[in-house]
Amino acid sequence: MQPPFGPAQTETDIPPAVRRQAAQWLVELQGDDVDDATRTRWQQWRAADPDHERAWQRVEAFTSQLQRIPGSAARTALNAASAKKRRQLVKSLTVAIFASGTVWALLDADFGRTMRADKRTGAGERARMTLPDGTRVELNSGTAITERFSDDERTLHLLEGEILVTTAPDAAGRSFFVQTSQGSLHALGTRFSVRALGNAAVRVAVFEGAVSIQPTQAIVRPQVLRAHEQTRFTHDAISPATPADEASIAWTQGLIVAQDMPLSQFLDELARHRPGHLGYSASVADLRVSGVYPLADTDQVLAVLETALPVKVRRMSRFWAWVQPR
């Protein structure tokens, strides 16, 4: 078996036909109806030619990168793996998986901003930092921020992911803001979390103090969110406030807390904390999960699910897991 695909080997070394075959396997293995015979044929394909194995190593690296790239065209294509237009999907994935660094930038404009972040975490990583003014910021898995302090204001830009902010009083009296893709948050002496939901919306939960929300669309009036409230907002709308859930920031303690949570939601959350791809069959999405689960070992969490629920975890590689009916 050849060594993993790496910087010493370029994508152009892999024949175009093999690239397309690798993308086709990625789509086929994503399906709900994949069986042992299909996996055997996939393994035989990998073993048949060194180029096949190198191409699949590139696929594994690609699926790992998806966890760190916000709103990518590649991830959108992968999530559409159950769509009828599989031929177009394979073509899109072939381009995305074997793209050069320049093409990656064209496919995903947010990627460059993320790489220029002052602080970022990868899949499964969390971090804590104290800003010059004493404000404490905790970063969840897959998060990127930039910090901009001036004589007039203190500003964090949330490029992707999720943060928990505990603001500190400022001797200069400067206001504290969090800028997101959907609008600006003005902290009014507070402890609050902000989560970017892709490029579609932002979720805010306030645990102490208050936060003023101003979507980018100027005609939308600001809304003040008070302690123990949460909401979602887009560039042109703010949803009604609902009770804030402390369990939503259990990640700061390295935990997922589930209370009768749909398995689909649980796995989506777990996937944020492990590299590669974690998917599931639609037929198990509505199963319910309760309990407290440590994030330090996501493979162990999947093993617990196998004992607690009628599910089986298929692992096609160390970067690819699929939860299906037992």
C-alpha atoms as a PDB file:
ATOM      1  CA  MET A   1       0.000   0.000   0.000  1.00  0.00           C
ATOM      2  CA  GLN A   2       1.303   3.433  -0.913  1.00  0.00           C
ATOM      3  CA  PRO A   3       1.926   6.104   1.730  1.00  0.00           C
ATOM      4  CA  PRO A   4      -0.848   8.647   2.304  1.00  0.00           C
ATOM      5  CA  PHE A   5      -1.321  11.436  -0.181  1.00  0.00           C
ATOM      6  CA  GLY A   6       0.743  14.411   0.971  1.00  0.00           C
ATOM      7  CA  PRO A   7       2.520  17.554  -0.148  1.00  0.00           C
ATOM      8  CA  ALA A   8       5.191  15.613  -2.051  1.00  0.00           C
ATOM      9  CA  GLN A   9       2.529  14.240  -4.402  1.00  0.00           C
ATOM     10  CA  THR A  10       0.424  16.575  -6.500  1.00  0.00           C
ATOM     11  CA  GLU A  11      -3.157  16.101  -7.568  1.00  0.00           C
ATOM     12  CA  THR A  12      -2.075  16.116 -11.220  1.00  0.00           C
ATOM     13  CA  ASP A  13      -0.145  12.852 -10.612  1.00  0.00           C
ATOM     14  CA  ILE A  14      -3.495  11.049 -10.307  1.00  0.00           C
ATOM     15  CA  PRO A  15      -5.132  10.244 -13.675  1.00  0.00           C
ATOM     16  CA  PRO A  16      -8.419  12.096 -14.269  1.00  0.00           C
ATOM     17  CA  ALA A  17     -10.350   8.828 -14.635  1.00  0.00           C
ATOM     18  CA  VAL A  18      -9.121   7.660 -11.225  1.00  0.00           C
ATOM     19  CA  ARG A  19     -10.079  10.966  -9.635  1.00  0.00           C
ATOM     20  CA  ARG A  20     -13.593  10.578 -10.956  1.00  0.00           C
ATOM     21  CA  GLN A  21     -13.782   6.974  -9.710  1.00  0.00           C
ATOM     22  CA  ALA A  22     -12.730   8.105  -6.220  1.00  0.00           C
ATOM     23  CA  ALA A  23     -15.444  10.761  -6.197  1.00  0.00           C
ATOM     24  CA  GLN A  24     -17.952   8.168  -7.404  1.00  0.00           C
ATOM     25  CA  TRP A  25     -17.018   5.900  -4.495  1.00  0.00           C
ATOM     26  CA  LEU A  26     -17.448   8.790  -2.076  1.00  0.00           C
ATOM     27  CA  VAL A  27     -21.001   9.324  -3.315  1.00  0.00           C
ATOM     28  CA  GLU A  28     -21.837   5.619  -3.381  1.00  0.00           C
ATOM     29  CA  LEU A  29     -20.583   4.990   0.151  1.00  0.00           C
ATOM     30  CA  GLN A  30     -22.687   7.915   1.391  1.00  0.00           C
ATOM     31  CA  GLY A  31     -25.963   6.238   0.420  1.00  0.00           C
ATOM     32  CA  ASP A  32     -28.473   4.767   2.876  1.00  0.00           C
ATOM     33  CA  ASP A  33     -28.489   1.435   1.031  1.00  0.00           C
ATOM     34  CA  VAL A  34     -24.738   0.734   1.068  1.00  0.00           C
ATOM     35  CA  ASP A  35     -24.045  -2.904   1.973  1.00  0.00           C
ATOM     36  CA  ASP A  36     -21.072  -5.164   2.717  1.00  0.00           C
ATOM     37  CA  ALA A  37     -20.759  -6.186  -0.925  1.00  0.00           C
ATOM     38  CA  THR A  38     -20.363  -2.548  -1.931  1.00  0.00           C
ATOM     39  CA  ARG A  39     -17.691  -2.011   0.723  1.00  0.00           C
ATOM     40  CA  THR A  40     -15.844  -5.112  -0.468  1.00  0.00           C
ATOM     41  CA  ARG A  41     -15.819  -3.784  -4.042  1.00  0.00           C
ATOM     42  CA  TRP A  42     -14.569  -0.424  -2.744  1.00  0.00           C
ATOM     43  CA  GLN A  43     -11.712  -2.085  -0.843  1.00  0.00           C
ATOM     44  CA  GLN A  44     -10.841  -4.166  -3.915  1.00  0.00           C
ATOM     45  CA  TRP A  45     -10.754  -0.989  -6.017  1.00  0.00           C
ATOM     46  CA  ARG A  46      -8.392   0.648  -3.543  1.00  0.00           C
ATOM     47  CA  ALA A  47      -6.054  -2.346  -3.557  1.00  0.00           C
ATOM     48  CA  ALA A  48      -6.064  -2.772  -7.341  1.00  0.00           C
ATOM     49  CA  ASP A  49      -3.771   0.131  -8.180  1.00  0.00           C
ATOM     50  CA  PRO A  50      -1.477   2.483  -6.215  1.00  0.00           C
ATOM     51  CA  ASP A  51      -3.165   5.440  -7.912  1.00  0.00           C
ATOM     52  CA  HIS A  52      -6.505   4.260  -6.535  1.00  0.00           C
ATOM     53  CA  GLU A  53      -5.180   4.270  -2.982  1.00  0.00           C
ATOM     54  CA  ARG A  54      -3.544   7.671  -3.423  1.00  0.00           C
ATOM     55  CA  ALA A  55      -6.805   9.061  -4.763  1.00  0.00           C
ATOM     56  CA  TRP A  56      -8.712   7.712  -1.770  1.00  0.00           C
ATOM     57  CA  GLN A  57      -6.159   9.197   0.635  1.00  0.00           C
ATOM     58  CA  ARG A  58      -6.940  12.546  -1.012  1.00  0.00           C
ATOM     59  CA  VAL A  59     -10.642  11.896  -0.413  1.00  0.00           C
ATOM     60  CA  GLU A  60      -9.939  11.261   3.287  1.00  0.00           C
ATOM     61  CA  ALA A  61      -7.956  14.486   3.540  1.00  0.00           C
ATOM     62  CA  PHE A  62     -10.806  16.310   1.807  1.00  0.00           C
ATOM     63  CA  THR A  63     -13.468  15.015   4.213  1.00  0.00           C
ATOM     64  CA  SER A  64     -11.260  16.031   7.125  1.00  0.00           C
ATOM     65  CA  GLN A  65     -10.873  19.563   5.720  1.00  0.00           C
ATOM     66  CA  LEU A  66     -14.635  19.999   5.387  1.00  0.00           C
ATOM     67  CA  GLN A  67     -14.986  20.346   9.158  1.00  0.00           C
ATOM     68  CA  ARG A  68     -12.841  23.478   9.100  1.00  0.00           C
ATOM     69  CA  ILE A  69     -14.240  25.274   6.056  1.00  0.00           C
ATOM     70  CA  PRO A  70     -17.362  27.400   6.607  1.00  0.00           C
ATOM     71  CA  GLY A  71     -20.128  27.253   4.022  1.00  0.00           C
ATOM     72  CA  SER A  72     -17.943  25.541   1.412  1.00  0.00           C
ATOM     73  CA  ALA A  73     -19.206  24.614  -2.020  1.00  0.00           C
ATOM     74  CA  ALA A  74     -17.621  21.209  -1.498  1.00  0.00           C
ATOM     75  CA  ARG A  75     -19.562  20.542   1.690  1.00  0.00           C
ATOM     76  CA  THR A  76     -22.796  21.594   0.005  1.00  0.00           C
ATOM     77  CA  ALA A  77     -22.161  19.054  -2.726  1.00  0.00           C
ATOM     78  CA  LEU A  78     -21.338  16.297  -0.249  1.00  0.00           C
ATOM     79  CA  ASN A  79     -24.506  16.923   1.750  1.00  0.00           C
ATOM     80  CA  ALA A  80     -26.479  16.448  -1.452  1.00  0.00           C
ATOM     81  CA  ALA A  81     -25.254  12.854  -1.817  1.00  0.00           C
ATOM     82  CA  SER A  82     -28.771  11.467  -1.762  1.00  0.00           C
ATOM     83  CA  ALA A  83     -29.944  13.689  -4.628  1.00  0.00           C
ATOM     84  CA  LYS A  84     -30.978  12.214  -7.963  1.00  0.00           C
ATOM     85  CA  LYS A  85     -28.432  14.117 -10.027  1.00  0.00           C
ATOM     86  CA  ARG A  86     -25.510  11.926  -9.016  1.00  0.00           C
ATOM     87  CA  ARG A  87     -23.596  12.520 -12.240  1.00  0.00           C
ATOM     88  CA  GLN A  88     -23.404  16.265 -11.648  1.00  0.00           C
ATOM     89  CA  LEU A  89     -22.543  15.617  -8.011  1.00  0.00           C
ATOM     90  CA  VAL A  90     -19.597  13.375  -8.917  1.00  0.00           C
ATOM     91  CA  LYS A  91     -18.317  16.051 -11.288  1.00  0.00           C
ATOM     92  CA  SER A  92     -18.549  18.737  -8.579  1.00  0.00           C
ATOM     93  CA  LEU A  93     -16.821  16.548  -6.002  1.00  0.00           C
ATOM     94  CA  THR A  94     -14.039  15.636  -8.423  1.00  0.00           C
ATOM     95  CA  VAL A  95     -13.252  19.330  -8.863  1.00  0.00           C
ATOM     96  CA  ALA A  96     -13.520  20.080  -5.139  1.00  0.00           C
ATOM     97  CA  ILE A  97     -11.500  17.106  -3.892  1.00  0.00           C
ATOM     98  CA  PHE A  98      -8.619  17.468  -6.331  1.00  0.00           C
ATOM     99  CA  ALA A  99      -8.557  21.244  -6.561  1.00  0.00           C
ATOM    100  CA  SER A 100      -5.337  23.184  -6.173  1.00  0.00           C
ATOM    101  CA  GLY A 101      -4.946  25.762  -3.440  1.00  0.00           C
ATOM    102  CA  THR A 102      -5.950  28.494  -5.890  1.00  0.00           C
ATOM    103  CA  VAL A 103      -9.139  26.675  -6.880  1.00  0.00           C
ATOM    104  CA  TRP A 104      -9.974  26.093  -3.201  1.00  0.00           C
ATOM    105  CA  ALA A 105      -9.904  29.843  -2.692  1.00  0.00           C
ATOM    106  CA  LEU A 106     -12.262  30.323  -5.622  1.00  0.00           C
ATOM    107  CA  LEU A 107     -14.603  27.596  -4.368  1.00  0.00           C
ATOM    108  CA  ASP A 108     -14.712  29.034  -0.899  1.00  0.00           C
ATOM    109  CA  ALA A 109     -14.181  32.751  -0.361  1.00  0.00           C
ATOM    110  CA  ASP A 110     -14.533  32.376   3.416  1.00  0.00           C
ATOM    111  CA  PHE A 111     -11.538  30.052   3.619  1.00  0.00           C
ATOM    112  CA  GLY A 112      -8.995  32.856   3.175  1.00  0.00           C
ATOM    113  CA  ARG A 113     -10.601  34.917   5.918  1.00  0.00           C
ATOM    114  CA  THR A 114     -10.513  31.920   8.253  1.00  0.00           C
ATOM    115  CA  MET A 115      -6.822  31.308   7.628  1.00  0.00           C
ATOM    116  CA  ARG A 116      -6.122  34.951   8.514  1.00  0.00           C
ATOM    117  CA  ALA A 117      -7.921  34.622  11.857  1.00  0.00           C
ATOM    118  CA  ASP A 118      -6.136  35.803  14.984  1.00  0.00           C
ATOM    119  CA  LYS A 119      -7.302  32.673  16.783  1.00  0.00           C
ATOM    120  CA  ARG A 120      -8.826  29.474  15.431  1.00  0.00           C
ATOM    121  CA  THR A 121      -9.545  25.918  16.537  1.00  0.00           C
ATOM    122  CA  GLY A 122      -9.718  22.770  14.428  1.00  0.00           C
ATOM    123  CA  ALA A 123     -12.163  19.889  14.665  1.00  0.00           C
ATOM    124  CA  GLY A 124     -12.132  18.524  18.209  1.00  0.00           C
ATOM    125  CA  GLU A 125     -10.165  21.480  19.576  1.00  0.00           C
ATOM    126  CA  ARG A 126     -11.353  24.104  22.074  1.00  0.00           C
ATOM    127  CA  ALA A 127      -9.510  27.109  23.438  1.00  0.00           C
ATOM    128  CA  ARG A 128      -9.727  29.888  26.005  1.00  0.00           C
ATOM    129  CA  MET A 129      -8.232  33.348  25.770  1.00  0.00           C
ATOM    130  CA  THR A 130      -8.225  36.598  27.729  1.00  0.00           C
ATOM    131  CA  LEU A 131      -8.348  39.809  25.723  1.00  0.00           C
ATOM    132  CA  PRO A 132      -6.255  42.875  26.671  1.00  0.00           C
ATOM    133  CA  ASP A 133      -9.243  44.428  28.471  1.00  0.00           C
ATOM    134  CA  GLY A 134      -9.788  41.312  30.625  1.00  0.00           C
ATOM    135  CA  THR A 135     -12.714  39.942  28.604  1.00  0.00           C
ATOM    136  CA  ARG A 136     -12.710  36.124  28.540  1.00  0.00           C
ATOM    137  CA  VAL A 137     -13.503  34.258  25.320  1.00  0.00           C
ATOM    138  CA  GLU A 138     -13.951  30.507  24.938  1.00  0.00           C
ATOM    139  CA  LEU A 139     -13.811  29.007  21.440  1.00  0.00           C
ATOM    140  CA  ASN A 140     -15.665  25.856  20.492  1.00  0.00           C
ATOM    141  CA  SER A 141     -14.439  23.307  17.948  1.00  0.00           C
ATOM    142  CA  GLY A 142     -14.019  24.668  14.424  1.00  0.00           C
ATOM    143  CA  THR A 143     -14.032  28.350  15.396  1.00  0.00           C
ATOM    144  CA  ALA A 144     -12.169  31.332  13.962  1.00  0.00           C
ATOM    145  CA  ILE A 145     -12.129  34.915  15.252  1.00  0.00           C
ATOM    146  CA  THR A 146     -10.271  38.162  14.741  1.00  0.00           C
ATOM    147  CA  GLU A 147      -9.762  40.832  17.395  1.00  0.00           C
ATOM    148  CA  ARG A 148      -9.903  44.564  16.652  1.00  0.00           C
ATOM    149  CA  PHE A 149      -9.489  47.036  19.508  1.00  0.00           C
ATOM    150  CA  SER A 150      -9.392  50.783  18.872  1.00  0.00           C
ATOM    151  CA  ASP A 151      -9.637  53.971  20.914  1.00  0.00           C
ATOM    152  CA  ASP A 152     -13.418  53.923  20.413  1.00  0.00           C
ATOM    153  CA  GLU A 153     -14.531  50.296  20.656  1.00  0.00           C
ATOM    154  CA  ARG A 154     -13.613  46.677  21.271  1.00  0.00           C
ATOM    155  CA  THR A 155     -14.673  44.289  18.495  1.00  0.00           C
ATOM    156  CA  LEU A 156     -14.471  40.560  17.844  1.00  0.00           C
ATOM    157  CA  HIS A 157     -15.270  39.205  14.384  1.00  0.00           C
ATOM    158  CA  LEU A 158     -16.718  35.678  14.474  1.00  0.00           C
ATOM    159  CA  LEU A 159     -15.710  34.169  11.122  1.00  0.00           C
ATOM    160  CA  GLU A 160     -17.064  30.687  11.892  1.00  0.00           C
ATOM    161  CA  GLY A 161     -17.932  28.439  14.796  1.00  0.00           C
ATOM    162  CA  GLU A 162     -19.061  29.394  18.299  1.00  0.00           C
ATOM    163  CA  ILE A 163     -17.796  31.485  21.196  1.00  0.00           C
ATOM    164  CA  LEU A 164     -18.756  32.168  24.803  1.00  0.00           C
ATOM    165  CA  VAL A 165     -17.899  35.728  25.852  1.00  0.00           C
ATOM    166  CA  THR A 166     -17.695  37.119  29.383  1.00  0.00           C
ATOM    167  CA  THR A 167     -17.094  40.842  29.028  1.00  0.00           C
ATOM    168  CA  ALA A 168     -14.990  42.881  31.422  1.00  0.00           C
ATOM    169  CA  PRO A 169     -15.516  46.547  32.360  1.00  0.00           C
ATOM    170  CA  ASP A 170     -13.360  48.812  30.221  1.00  0.00           C
ATOM    171  CA  ALA A 171     -11.416  51.628  31.879  1.00  0.00           C
ATOM    172  CA  ALA A 172     -11.736  53.717  28.709  1.00  0.00           C
ATOM    173  CA  GLY A 173     -15.489  53.179  28.542  1.00  0.00           C
ATOM    174  CA  ARG A 174     -15.356  51.517  25.104  1.00  0.00           C
ATOM    175  CA  SER A 175     -18.322  49.476  23.910  1.00  0.00           C
ATOM    176  CA  PHE A 176     -17.872  45.770  23.161  1.00  0.00           C
ATOM    177  CA  PHE A 177     -19.158  44.313  19.875  1.00  0.00           C
ATOM    178  CA  VAL A 178     -19.217  40.943  18.162  1.00  0.00           C
ATOM    179  CA  GLN A 179     -19.488  41.207  14.386  1.00  0.00           C
ATOM    180  CA  THR A 180     -20.963  38.275  12.436  1.00  0.00           C
ATOM    181  CA  SER A 181     -21.928  37.584   8.841  1.00  0.00           C
ATOM    182  CA  GLN A 182     -25.532  38.482   9.683  1.00  0.00           C
ATOM    183  CA  GLY A 183     -25.098  41.547  11.858  1.00  0.00           C
ATOM    184  CA  SER A 184     -23.616  43.128  14.960  1.00  0.00           C
ATOM    185  CA  LEU A 185     -24.044  42.317  18.668  1.00  0.00           C
ATOM    186  CA  HIS A 186     -23.524  45.033  21.275  1.00  0.00           C
ATOM    187  CA  ALA A 187     -22.758  43.553  24.693  1.00  0.00           C
ATOM    188  CA  LEU A 188     -24.344  45.420  27.570  1.00  0.00           C
ATOM    189  CA  GLY A 189     -22.202  44.055  30.429  1.00  0.00           C
ATOM    190  CA  THR A 190     -22.814  40.401  29.858  1.00  0.00           C
ATOM    191  CA  ARG A 191     -22.022  36.713  29.460  1.00  0.00           C
ATOM    192  CA  PHE A 192     -23.320  35.358  26.176  1.00  0.00           C
ATOM    193  CA  SER A 193     -22.691  32.798  23.448  1.00  0.00           C
ATOM    194  CA  VAL A 194     -22.695  33.359  19.691  1.00  0.00           C
ATOM    195  CA  ARG A 195     -22.857  30.553  17.131  1.00  0.00           C
ATOM    196  CA  ALA A 196     -22.594  30.962  13.366  1.00  0.00           C
ATOM    197  CA  LEU A 197     -25.068  28.559  11.728  1.00  0.00           C
ATOM    198  CA  GLY A 198     -23.216  28.312   8.441  1.00  0.00           C
ATOM    199  CA  ASN A 199     -23.883  31.373   6.310  1.00  0.00           C
ATOM    200  CA  ALA A 200     -27.619  31.249   6.967  1.00  0.00           C
ATOM    201  CA  ALA A 201     -28.121  32.585  10.500  1.00  0.00           C
ATOM    202  CA  VAL A 202     -26.573  33.301  13.886  1.00  0.00           C
ATOM    203  CA  ARG A 203     -27.751  31.997  17.260  1.00  0.00           C
ATOM    204  CA  VAL A 204     -27.287  34.139  20.374  1.00  0.00           C
ATOM    205  CA  ALA A 205     -27.919  33.098  23.987  1.00  0.00           C
ATOM    206  CA  VAL A 206     -27.570  35.501  26.926  1.00  0.00           C
ATOM    207  CA  PHE A 207     -26.801  34.131  30.387  1.00  0.00           C
ATOM    208  CA  GLU A 208     -26.003  37.387  32.211  1.00  0.00           C
ATOM    209  CA  GLY A 209     -26.686  41.023  31.337  1.00  0.00           C
ATOM    210  CA  ALA A 210     -28.099  41.848  27.902  1.00  0.00           C
ATOM    211  CA  VAL A 211     -27.123  42.022  24.219  1.00  0.00           C
ATOM    212  CA  SER A 212     -28.434  44.358  21.541  1.00  0.00           C
ATOM    213  CA  ILE A 213     -28.814  42.709  18.114  1.00  0.00           C
ATOM    214  CA  GLN A 214     -28.535  44.775  14.928  1.00  0.00           C
ATOM    215  CA  PRO A 215     -28.872  42.823  11.651  1.00  0.00           C
ATOM    216  CA  THR A 216     -26.903  44.163   8.687  1.00  0.00           C
ATOM    217  CA  GLN A 217     -30.118  45.230   6.982  1.00  0.00           C
ATOM    218  CA  ALA A 218     -30.475  48.736   8.373  1.00  0.00           C
ATOM    219  CA  ILE A 219     -34.282  48.809   8.145  1.00  0.00           C
ATOM    220  CA  VAL A 220     -34.516  46.109  10.863  1.00  0.00           C
ATOM    221  CA  ARG A 221     -34.749  47.701  14.298  1.00  0.00           C
ATOM    222  CA  PRO A 222     -32.280  46.522  16.967  1.00  0.00           C
ATOM    223  CA  GLN A 223     -33.628  44.086  19.537  1.00  0.00           C
ATOM    224  CA  VAL A 224     -32.353  43.733  23.100  1.00  0.00           C
ATOM    225  CA  LEU A 225     -31.950  40.144  24.294  1.00  0.00           C
ATOM    226  CA  ARG A 226     -31.923  39.861  28.075  1.00  0.00           C
ATOM    227  CA  ALA A 227     -30.505  37.317  30.522  1.00  0.00           C
ATOM    228  CA  HIS A 228     -31.815  33.761  30.097  1.00  0.00           C
ATOM    229  CA  GLU A 229     -33.066  34.448  26.550  1.00  0.00           C
ATOM    230  CA  GLN A 230     -31.856  33.230  23.190  1.00  0.00           C
ATOM    231  CA  THR A 231     -32.757  33.779  19.556  1.00  0.00           C
ATOM    232  CA  ARG A 232     -31.630  33.385  15.965  1.00  0.00           C
ATOM    233  CA  PHE A 233     -31.200  36.202  13.494  1.00  0.00           C
ATOM    234  CA  THR A 234     -30.336  36.726   9.850  1.00  0.00           C
ATOM    235  CA  HIS A 235     -29.256  39.826   7.964  1.00  0.00           C
ATOM    236  CA  ASP A 236     -32.885  40.962   7.708  1.00  0.00           C
ATOM    237  CA  ALA A 237     -34.859  39.346  10.563  1.00  0.00           C
ATOM    238  CA  ILE A 238     -34.744  38.459  14.261  1.00  0.00           C
ATOM    239  CA  SER A 239     -36.737  35.486  15.577  1.00  0.00           C
ATOM    240  CA  PRO A 240     -38.818  35.766  18.774  1.00  0.00           C
ATOM    241  CA  ALA A 241     -36.816  35.142  21.937  1.00  0.00           C
ATOM    242  CA  THR A 242     -37.042  31.760  23.696  1.00  0.00           C
ATOM    243  CA  PRO A 243     -35.576  30.551  27.027  1.00  0.00           C
ATOM    244  CA  ALA A 244     -31.798  30.120  26.942  1.00  0.00           C
ATOM    245  CA  ASP A 245     -30.501  26.627  27.633  1.00  0.00           C
ATOM    246  CA  GLU A 246     -27.319  26.317  29.731  1.00  0.00           C
ATOM    247  CA  ALA A 247     -26.849  22.854  28.230  1.00  0.00           C
ATOM    248  CA  SER A 248     -26.061  24.549  24.916  1.00  0.00           C
ATOM    249  CA  ILE A 249     -22.687  25.671  26.326  1.00  0.00           C
ATOM    250  CA  ALA A 250     -21.788  22.346  27.936  1.00  0.00           C
ATOM    251  CA  TRP A 251     -19.023  22.195  25.313  1.00  0.00           C
ATOM    252  CA  THR A 252     -17.057  24.607  27.517  1.00  0.00           C
ATOM    253  CA  GLN A 253     -16.792  21.700  29.971  1.00  0.00           C
ATOM    254  CA  GLY A 254     -15.972  19.213  27.213  1.00  0.00           C
ATOM    255  CA  LEU A 255     -19.474  17.713  27.221  1.00  0.00           C
ATOM    256  CA  ILE A 256     -22.617  17.255  25.177  1.00  0.00           C
ATOM    257  CA  VAL A 257     -25.755  17.245  27.318  1.00  0.00           C
ATOM    258  CA  ALA A 258     -28.754  15.640  25.608  1.00  0.00           C
ATOM    259  CA  GLN A 259     -32.294  15.587  26.924  1.00  0.00           C
ATOM    260  CA  ASP A 260     -34.556  13.568  24.647  1.00  0.00           C
ATOM    261  CA  MET A 261     -32.578  14.950  21.697  1.00  0.00           C
ATOM    262  CA  PRO A 262     -33.197  13.594  18.169  1.00  0.00           C
ATOM    263  CA  LEU A 263     -30.278  11.414  17.121  1.00  0.00           C
ATOM    264  CA  SER A 264     -29.849  13.518  13.977  1.00  0.00           C
ATOM    265  CA  GLN A 265     -29.285  16.639  16.075  1.00  0.00           C
ATOM    266  CA  PHE A 266     -26.982  14.773  18.452  1.00  0.00           C
ATOM    267  CA  LEU A 267     -24.828  13.408  15.629  1.00  0.00           C
ATOM    268  CA  ASP A 268     -24.661  16.791  13.907  1.00  0.00           C
ATOM    269  CA  GLU A 269     -23.352  18.231  17.162  1.00  0.00           C
ATOM    270  CA  LEU A 270     -20.916  15.352  17.701  1.00  0.00           C
ATOM    271  CA  ALA A 271     -19.633  15.742  14.142  1.00  0.00           C
ATOM    272  CA  ARG A 272     -18.402  19.232  14.991  1.00  0.00           C
ATOM    273  CA  HIS A 273     -15.940  17.680  17.441  1.00  0.00           C
ATOM    274  CA  ARG A 274     -14.290  15.025  15.257  1.00  0.00           C
ATOM    275  CA  PRO A 275     -12.290  15.297  12.034  1.00  0.00           C
ATOM    276  CA  GLY A 276     -13.714  13.900   8.827  1.00  0.00           C
ATOM    277  CA  HIS A 277     -17.287  12.963   8.046  1.00  0.00           C
ATOM    278  CA  LEU A 278     -19.920  11.583  10.421  1.00  0.00           C
ATOM    279  CA  GLY A 279     -23.236  10.826   8.698  1.00  0.00           C
ATOM    280  CA  TYR A 280     -26.387   8.852   9.380  1.00  0.00           C
ATOM    281  CA  SER A 281     -29.304   7.151   7.675  1.00  0.00           C
ATOM    282  CA  ALA A 282     -32.601   9.000   7.613  1.00  0.00           C
ATOM    283  CA  SER A 283     -34.234   5.960   9.212  1.00  0.00           C
ATOM    284  CA  VAL A 284     -32.394   6.545  12.520  1.00  0.00           C
ATOM    285  CA  ALA A 285     -32.685  10.349  12.608  1.00  0.00           C
ATOM    286  CA  ASP A 286     -35.707  10.423  14.927  1.00  0.00           C
ATOM    287  CA  LEU A 287     -34.333   8.096  17.608  1.00  0.00           C
ATOM    288  CA  ARG A 288     -33.948   9.879  20.945  1.00  0.00           C
ATOM    289  CA  VAL A 289     -30.776  10.413  22.969  1.00  0.00           C
ATOM    290  CA  SER A 290     -30.434  11.446  26.612  1.00  0.00           C
ATOM    291  CA  GLY A 291     -27.396  11.665  28.843  1.00  0.00           C
ATOM    292  CA  VAL A 292     -24.090  13.451  29.338  1.00  0.00           C
ATOM    293  CA  TYR A 293     -21.358  12.539  26.860  1.00  0.00           C
ATOM    294  CA  PRO A 294     -17.653  13.554  27.038  1.00  0.00           C
ATOM    295  CA  LEU A 295     -16.174  15.011  23.870  1.00  0.00           C
ATOM    296  CA  ALA A 296     -12.630  13.829  24.549  1.00  0.00           C
ATOM    297  CA  ASP A 297     -13.272  10.503  22.760  1.00  0.00           C
ATOM    298  CA  THR A 298     -15.993  10.707  20.123  1.00  0.00           C
ATOM    299  CA  ASP A 299     -15.377   7.108  19.032  1.00  0.00           C
ATOM    300  CA  GLN A 300     -16.312   6.007  22.551  1.00  0.00           C
ATOM    301  CA  VAL A 301     -19.495   8.077  22.339  1.00  0.00           C
ATOM    302  CA  LEU A 302     -20.416   6.253  19.122  1.00  0.00           C
ATOM    303  CA  ALA A 303     -19.732   2.920  20.849  1.00  0.00           C
ATOM    304  CA  VAL A 304     -22.108   3.916  23.670  1.00  0.00           C
ATOM    305  CA  LEU A 305     -24.803   4.775  21.123  1.00  0.00           C
ATOM    306  CA  GLU A 306     -24.447   1.285  19.642  1.00  0.00           C
ATOM    307  CA  THR A 307     -25.234  -0.255  23.026  1.00  0.00           C
ATOM    308  CA  ALA A 308     -28.037   2.144  23.927  1.00  0.00           C
ATOM    309  CA  LEU A 309     -29.858   2.380  20.591  1.00  0.00           C
ATOM    310  CA  PRO A 310     -30.726  -0.017  17.741  1.00  0.00           C
ATOM    311  CA  VAL A 311     -27.939   1.394  15.557  1.00  0.00           C
ATOM    312  CA  LYS A 312     -24.642   0.255  14.084  1.00  0.00           C
ATOM    313  CA  VAL A 313     -21.665   2.439  13.224  1.00  0.00           C
ATOM    314  CA  ARG A 314     -19.934   1.670   9.925  1.00  0.00           C
ATOM    315  CA  ARG A 315     -16.376   2.943   9.702  1.00  0.00           C
ATOM    316  CA  MET A 316     -15.064   3.104   6.154  1.00  0.00           C
ATOM    317  CA  SER A 317     -11.873   4.854   7.237  1.00  0.00           C
ATOM    318  CA  ARG A 318     -10.624   6.787  10.243  1.00  0.00           C
ATOM    319  CA  PHE A 319     -12.170   9.911   8.704  1.00  0.00           C
ATOM    320  CA  TRP A 320     -15.497   8.409   7.638  1.00  0.00           C
ATOM    321  CA  ALA A 321     -18.229   7.002   9.896  1.00  0.00           C
ATOM    322  CA  TRP A 322     -21.864   6.245   9.145  1.00  0.00           C
ATOM    323  CA  VAL A 323     -24.647   5.472  11.658  1.00  0.00           C
ATOM    324  CA  GLN A 324     -27.369   3.156  10.368  1.00  0.00           C
ATOM    325  CA  PRO A 325     -29.999   0.744  11.690  1.00  0.00           C
ATOM    326  CA  ARG A 326     -28.558  -2.317  13.398  1.00  0.00           C
END
